[in-house]
Structure formats: structure tokens, C-alpha cells
């Protein structure tokens, strides 16, 4: 493989790393949001002189988790597609380069046999 191929592969790995870091940060933010929603639910129930209930909290949590899961799934789908495309592309380039090297070696061996 040529240096530019290695550099492209290195850049793709760095991009994947950044995507995973972004995913981690997004997930952490979602968890914080869910905790705040639970706190807000409890405070709202108390302001309304109602007893906060586990079922009420779970209903609110269920709605929040469904939304968070959809966001996470969309992000994971995007990451999957990029990684799949990138690995296929890198495999094809490496395979092509290996074939070129093999052909070059065979050509050199053939020319040595002729001499």
C-alpha cells in the first residue's frame, strides 16, 4: 500500500474514533436529560399536591427513552453505514494493491527467466 492509502486509512480510523466519542457524549447527555425529567416529574407532582408514582414516572420515562432510542438508533445506523463502506473500500484497495504487487513480482521473475 502506498503512503496515501495508509494516510486515508489512518484518517478513517480517526473519524471513527471521533464518531464514537461523539456517540458517548450524546449518550451521556441523554442520560442526564432523563434524570432531569424524572426530577422534574417528581417536583411537578408535588407542586400539584399529587403523589409521584412509579407508574407515572415510568410512563414519562418510557416516552423519553423511546425518543432517545430513536436518536441513538439513527446515529448507530449512520456509523454502521460509514464503517461498512469504509472497510469495504479499504479491503478493495488493499486487494487491488496486493494484485499489483503480485503481478510486478511475476513480471520481474519472468524477465529474469528470459535473461
N, C-alpha and C. Protein backbone atom coordinates (compact mmCIF):
# COMPACT_ATOMS: atom_id res chain seq x y z
N UNK A 1 0.85 -1.18 0.00
CA UNK A 1 0.00 0.00 0.00
C UNK A 1 0.89 1.24 0.00
N UNK A 2 0.43 2.26 -0.64
CA UNK A 2 1.18 3.50 -0.69
C UNK A 2 0.89 4.33 0.55
N UNK A 3 1.76 5.32 0.78
CA UNK A 3 1.59 6.20 1.94
C UNK A 3 0.22 6.86 1.95
N UNK A 4 -0.25 7.27 0.79
CA UNK A 4 -1.55 7.95 0.76
C UNK A 4 -2.66 7.00 1.19
N UNK A 5 -2.53 5.72 0.85
CA UNK A 5 -3.52 4.74 1.29
C UNK A 5 -3.48 4.57 2.81
N UNK A 6 -2.27 4.53 3.36
CA UNK A 6 -2.13 4.45 4.81
C UNK A 6 -2.72 5.68 5.48
N UNK A 7 -2.44 6.85 4.89
CA UNK A 7 -2.97 8.09 5.46
C UNK A 7 -4.49 8.11 5.42
N UNK A 8 -5.06 7.63 4.32
CA UNK A 8 -6.52 7.56 4.22
C UNK A 8 -7.08 6.62 5.28
N UNK A 9 -6.43 5.49 5.45
CA UNK A 9 -6.88 4.52 6.46
C UNK A 9 -6.78 5.13 7.86
N UNK A 10 -5.68 5.83 8.11
CA UNK A 10 -5.48 6.48 9.41
C UNK A 10 -6.57 7.52 9.64
N UNK A 11 -6.86 8.31 8.63
CA UNK A 11 -7.91 9.32 8.74
C UNK A 11 -9.28 8.69 9.00
N UNK A 12 -9.53 7.57 8.34
CA UNK A 12 -10.82 6.88 8.54
C UNK A 12 -10.93 6.36 9.96
N UNK A 13 -9.83 5.83 10.50
CA UNK A 13 -9.83 5.36 11.89
C UNK A 13 -10.06 6.53 12.84
N UNK A 14 -9.41 7.65 12.58
CA UNK A 14 -9.61 8.83 13.42
C UNK A 14 -11.06 9.32 13.35
N UNK A 15 -11.63 9.29 12.15
CA UNK A 15 -13.04 9.69 12.01
C UNK A 15 -13.95 8.77 12.80
N UNK A 16 -13.67 7.47 12.74
CA UNK A 16 -14.48 6.51 13.50
C UNK A 16 -14.35 6.76 14.99
N UNK A 17 -13.12 7.07 15.44
CA UNK A 17 -12.88 7.37 16.84
C UNK A 17 -13.66 8.61 17.26
N UNK A 18 -13.64 9.64 16.45
CA UNK A 18 -14.39 10.86 16.75
C UNK A 18 -15.89 10.58 16.79
N UNK A 19 -16.37 9.73 15.89
CA UNK A 19 -17.78 9.37 15.88
C UNK A 19 -18.17 8.65 17.17
N UNK A 20 -17.31 7.74 17.61
CA UNK A 20 -17.60 7.02 18.86
C UNK A 20 -17.57 7.95 20.06
N UNK A 21 -16.61 8.89 20.07
CA UNK A 21 -16.57 9.87 21.16
C UNK A 21 -17.83 10.73 21.16
N UNK A 22 -18.25 11.12 20.00
CA UNK A 22 -19.47 11.93 19.87
C UNK A 22 -20.67 11.13 20.35
N UNK A 23 -20.72 9.85 19.98
CA UNK A 23 -21.81 8.96 20.42
C UNK A 23 -21.83 8.86 21.94
N UNK A 24 -20.64 8.71 22.55
CA UNK A 24 -20.55 8.61 24.00
C UNK A 24 -21.05 9.89 24.66
N UNK A 25 -20.62 11.03 24.15
CA UNK A 25 -21.07 12.30 24.71
C UNK A 25 -22.58 12.49 24.55
N UNK A 26 -23.10 12.12 23.38
CA UNK A 26 -24.54 12.24 23.15
C UNK A 26 -25.32 11.35 24.11
N UNK A 27 -24.81 10.13 24.33
CA UNK A 27 -25.47 9.20 25.24
C UNK A 27 -25.46 9.73 26.67
N UNK A 28 -24.33 10.27 27.08
CA UNK A 28 -24.22 10.84 28.43
C UNK A 28 -25.20 12.00 28.59
N UNK A 29 -25.32 12.82 27.57
CA UNK A 29 -26.28 13.93 27.62
C UNK A 29 -27.71 13.41 27.73
N UNK A 30 -28.02 12.35 27.01
CA UNK A 30 -29.37 11.77 27.06
C UNK A 30 -29.69 11.25 28.46
N UNK A 31 -28.72 10.60 29.09
CA UNK A 31 -28.93 10.08 30.44
C UNK A 31 -29.17 11.22 31.42
N UNK A 32 -28.40 12.27 31.28
CA UNK A 32 -28.59 13.44 32.15
C UNK A 32 -29.97 14.04 31.93
N UNK A 33 -30.39 14.11 30.68
CA UNK A 33 -31.72 14.64 30.38
C UNK A 33 -32.81 13.78 31.02
N UNK A 34 -32.65 12.47 30.97
CA UNK A 34 -33.64 11.57 31.56
C UNK A 34 -33.70 11.74 33.08
N UNK A 35 -32.56 11.88 33.70
CA UNK A 35 -32.53 12.09 35.15
C UNK A 35 -33.22 13.41 35.51
N UNK A 36 -32.98 14.43 34.72
CA UNK A 36 -33.64 15.71 34.96
C UNK A 36 -35.15 15.62 34.75
N UNK A 37 -35.57 14.85 33.79
CA UNK A 37 -37.00 14.66 33.55
C UNK A 37 -37.66 13.97 34.74
N UNK A 38 -36.99 12.98 35.30
CA UNK A 38 -37.52 12.30 36.48
C UNK A 38 -37.65 13.28 37.64
N UNK A 39 -36.63 14.07 37.84
CA UNK A 39 -36.64 15.07 38.91
C UNK A 39 -37.77 16.07 38.68
N UNK A 40 -37.92 16.53 37.45
CA UNK A 40 -38.98 17.48 37.13
C UNK A 40 -40.37 16.86 37.33
N UNK A 41 -40.51 15.59 36.99
CA UNK A 41 -41.79 14.90 37.19
C UNK A 41 -42.15 14.89 38.68
N UNK A 42 -41.19 14.53 39.50
CA UNK A 42 -41.44 14.45 40.95
C UNK A 42 -41.79 15.83 41.50
N UNK A 43 -41.03 16.83 41.09
CA UNK A 43 -41.31 18.20 41.56
C UNK A 43 -42.69 18.68 41.09
N UNK A 44 -43.02 18.37 39.85
CA UNK A 44 -44.33 18.79 39.31
C UNK A 44 -45.47 18.10 40.07
N UNK A 45 -45.32 16.85 40.35
CA UNK A 45 -46.36 16.12 41.09
C UNK A 45 -46.53 16.73 42.49
N UNK A 46 -45.44 17.07 43.13
CA UNK A 46 -45.51 17.68 44.47
C UNK A 46 -46.17 19.05 44.41
N UNK A 47 -45.84 19.85 43.39
CA UNK A 47 -46.47 21.17 43.24
C UNK A 47 -47.97 21.06 43.05
N UNK A 48 -48.38 19.99 42.40
CA UNK A 48 -49.81 19.76 42.15
C UNK A 48 -50.48 18.99 43.29
N UNK A 49 -49.75 18.87 44.40
CA UNK A 49 -50.25 18.13 45.57
C UNK A 49 -50.67 16.70 45.20
N UNK A 50 -49.89 16.11 44.33
CA UNK A 50 -50.13 14.72 43.95
C UNK A 50 -48.91 13.90 44.33
N UNK A 51 -49.18 12.68 44.61
CA UNK A 51 -48.09 11.77 44.98
C UNK A 51 -47.42 11.27 43.69
N UNK A 52 -46.12 11.50 43.56
CA UNK A 52 -45.44 10.94 42.39
C UNK A 52 -45.51 9.41 42.46
N UNK A 53 -45.79 8.82 41.34
CA UNK A 53 -45.90 7.35 41.33
C UNK A 53 -44.85 6.76 40.39
N UNK A 54 -44.51 5.55 40.72
CA UNK A 54 -43.55 4.84 39.88
C UNK A 54 -44.12 4.68 38.47
N UNK A 55 -45.41 4.35 38.38
CA UNK A 55 -46.02 4.16 37.06
C UNK A 55 -46.04 5.47 36.26
N UNK A 56 -46.34 6.57 36.93
CA UNK A 56 -46.33 7.86 36.25
C UNK A 56 -44.93 8.21 35.77
N UNK A 57 -43.97 7.96 36.64
CA UNK A 57 -42.57 8.20 36.27
C UNK A 57 -42.16 7.31 35.11
N UNK A 58 -42.53 6.02 35.19
CA UNK A 58 -42.18 5.09 34.11
C UNK A 58 -42.83 5.48 32.79
N UNK A 59 -44.07 5.97 32.85
CA UNK A 59 -44.72 6.41 31.62
C UNK A 59 -43.95 7.56 30.99
N UNK A 60 -43.55 8.51 31.83
CA UNK A 60 -42.77 9.63 31.32
C UNK A 60 -41.41 9.14 30.83
N UNK A 61 -40.81 8.26 31.59
CA UNK A 61 -39.51 7.71 31.22
C UNK A 61 -39.61 6.91 29.92
N UNK A 62 -40.68 6.14 29.80
CA UNK A 62 -40.89 5.33 28.60
C UNK A 62 -40.94 6.21 27.36
N UNK A 63 -41.65 7.32 27.46
CA UNK A 63 -41.72 8.23 26.32
C UNK A 63 -40.36 8.84 26.01
N UNK A 64 -39.63 9.20 27.05
CA UNK A 64 -38.30 9.79 26.86
C UNK A 64 -37.32 8.78 26.28
N UNK A 65 -37.37 7.56 26.80
CA UNK A 65 -36.46 6.52 26.32
C UNK A 65 -36.76 6.18 24.87
N UNK A 66 -38.03 6.13 24.51
CA UNK A 66 -38.39 5.84 23.13
C UNK A 66 -37.78 6.88 22.19
N UNK A 67 -37.84 8.14 22.59
CA UNK A 67 -37.26 9.20 21.77
C UNK A 67 -35.74 9.08 21.73
N UNK A 68 -35.14 8.81 22.88
CA UNK A 68 -33.67 8.67 22.94
C UNK A 68 -33.21 7.47 22.12
N UNK A 69 -33.97 6.36 22.20
CA UNK A 69 -33.61 5.17 21.44
C UNK A 69 -33.66 5.45 19.94
N UNK A 70 -34.67 6.18 19.49
CA UNK A 70 -34.75 6.51 18.07
C UNK A 70 -33.54 7.33 17.63
N UNK A 71 -33.15 8.29 18.45
CA UNK A 71 -31.98 9.11 18.13
C UNK A 71 -30.72 8.25 18.11
N UNK A 72 -30.57 7.39 19.10
CA UNK A 72 -29.39 6.53 19.20
C UNK A 72 -29.35 5.57 18.01
N UNK A 73 -30.49 5.01 17.68
CA UNK A 73 -30.56 4.07 16.56
C UNK A 73 -30.19 4.76 15.24
N UNK A 74 -30.67 5.98 15.05
CA UNK A 74 -30.32 6.73 13.84
C UNK A 74 -28.82 6.98 13.77
N UNK A 75 -28.24 7.38 14.89
CA UNK A 75 -26.80 7.64 14.93
C UNK A 75 -26.02 6.35 14.68
N UNK A 76 -26.44 5.26 15.30
CA UNK A 76 -25.76 3.98 15.12
C UNK A 76 -25.87 3.51 13.67
N UNK A 77 -27.01 3.73 13.05
CA UNK A 77 -27.20 3.35 11.64
C UNK A 77 -26.22 4.12 10.76
N UNK A 78 -26.08 5.41 11.01
CA UNK A 78 -25.15 6.23 10.24
C UNK A 78 -23.72 5.75 10.44
N UNK A 79 -23.34 5.48 11.69
CA UNK A 79 -21.99 4.99 11.98
C UNK A 79 -21.75 3.64 11.30
N UNK A 80 -22.74 2.77 11.33
CA UNK A 80 -22.63 1.45 10.71
C UNK A 80 -22.40 1.58 9.21
N UNK A 81 -23.19 2.41 8.56
CA UNK A 81 -23.07 2.56 7.12
C UNK A 81 -21.70 3.13 6.73
N UNK A 82 -21.23 4.13 7.48
CA UNK A 82 -19.92 4.72 7.17
C UNK A 82 -18.81 3.70 7.38
N UNK A 83 -18.87 2.96 8.47
CA UNK A 83 -17.84 1.97 8.76
C UNK A 83 -17.86 0.85 7.73
N UNK A 84 -19.05 0.39 7.38
CA UNK A 84 -19.18 -0.69 6.40
C UNK A 84 -18.61 -0.25 5.05
N UNK A 85 -18.95 0.94 4.63
CA UNK A 85 -18.46 1.46 3.36
C UNK A 85 -16.94 1.61 3.39
N UNK A 86 -16.44 2.16 4.48
CA UNK A 86 -15.01 2.40 4.62
C UNK A 86 -14.24 1.10 4.61
N UNK A 87 -14.69 0.10 5.39
CA UNK A 87 -13.95 -1.14 5.43
C UNK A 87 -13.98 -1.86 4.09
N UNK A 88 -15.11 -1.80 3.40
CA UNK A 88 -15.19 -2.42 2.07
C UNK A 88 -14.23 -1.73 1.11
N UNK A 89 -14.21 -0.42 1.18
CA UNK A 89 -13.34 0.36 0.31
C UNK A 89 -11.87 0.04 0.59
N UNK A 90 -11.50 -0.01 1.87
CA UNK A 90 -10.11 -0.31 2.23
C UNK A 90 -9.72 -1.72 1.82
N UNK A 91 -10.63 -2.67 2.01
CA UNK A 91 -10.35 -4.05 1.61
C UNK A 91 -10.11 -4.13 0.11
N UNK A 92 -10.98 -3.46 -0.65
CA UNK A 92 -10.83 -3.49 -2.11
C UNK A 92 -9.50 -2.87 -2.54
N UNK A 93 -9.13 -1.75 -1.91
CA UNK A 93 -7.87 -1.09 -2.27
C UNK A 93 -6.68 -1.98 -1.91
N UNK A 94 -6.73 -2.59 -0.74
CA UNK A 94 -5.63 -3.47 -0.32
C UNK A 94 -5.53 -4.68 -1.25
N UNK A 95 -6.67 -5.23 -1.61
CA UNK A 95 -6.69 -6.37 -2.51
C UNK A 95 -6.13 -6.01 -3.88
N UNK A 96 -6.54 -4.85 -4.39
CA UNK A 96 -6.03 -4.39 -5.68
C UNK A 96 -4.52 -4.17 -5.63
N UNK A 97 -4.05 -3.56 -4.56
CA UNK A 97 -2.62 -3.29 -4.41
C UNK A 97 -1.85 -4.60 -4.32
N UNK A 98 -2.38 -5.58 -3.60
CA UNK A 98 -1.72 -6.88 -3.48
C UNK A 98 -1.62 -7.55 -4.86
N UNK A 99 -2.66 -7.42 -5.65
CA UNK A 99 -2.63 -7.97 -7.01
C UNK A 99 -1.57 -7.28 -7.86
N UNK A 100 -1.48 -5.96 -7.74
CA UNK A 100 -0.46 -5.20 -8.48
C UNK A 100 0.94 -5.67 -8.10
N UNK A 101 1.17 -5.82 -6.81
CA UNK A 101 2.49 -6.26 -6.32
C UNK A 101 2.78 -7.67 -6.84
N UNK A 102 1.80 -8.54 -6.77
CA UNK A 102 1.97 -9.91 -7.26
C UNK A 102 2.31 -9.91 -8.75
N UNK A 103 1.58 -9.09 -9.52
CA UNK A 103 1.85 -9.00 -10.96
C UNK A 103 3.25 -8.46 -11.23
N UNK A 104 3.66 -7.44 -10.45
CA UNK A 104 5.00 -6.88 -10.62
C UNK A 104 6.07 -7.94 -10.34
N UNK A 105 5.88 -8.71 -9.29
CA UNK A 105 6.84 -9.76 -8.94
C UNK A 105 6.90 -10.81 -10.04
N UNK A 106 5.73 -11.22 -10.52
CA UNK A 106 5.70 -12.22 -11.60
C UNK A 106 6.37 -11.69 -12.87
N UNK A 107 6.13 -10.41 -13.18
CA UNK A 107 6.78 -9.82 -14.36
C UNK A 107 8.30 -9.83 -14.20
N UNK A 108 8.78 -9.47 -13.02
CA UNK A 108 10.22 -9.44 -12.78
C UNK A 108 10.81 -10.85 -12.83
N UNK A 109 10.09 -11.82 -12.29
CA UNK A 109 10.57 -13.20 -12.35
C UNK A 109 10.61 -13.69 -13.79
N UNK A 110 9.59 -13.35 -14.57
CA UNK A 110 9.55 -13.75 -15.98
C UNK A 110 10.69 -13.12 -16.76
N UNK A 111 10.98 -11.85 -16.48
CA UNK A 111 12.06 -11.17 -17.21
C UNK A 111 13.42 -11.75 -16.82
N UNK A 112 13.57 -12.19 -15.56
CA UNK A 112 14.83 -12.81 -15.14
C UNK A 112 15.01 -14.17 -15.80
N UNK A 113 13.91 -14.89 -15.96
CA UNK A 113 13.98 -16.20 -16.62
C UNK A 113 14.40 -16.06 -18.08
N UNK A 114 13.93 -14.96 -18.71
CA UNK A 114 14.26 -14.74 -20.12
C UNK A 114 15.72 -14.39 -20.28
N UNK A 115 16.31 -13.77 -19.25
CA UNK A 115 17.73 -13.37 -19.34
C UNK A 115 18.57 -14.55 -19.03
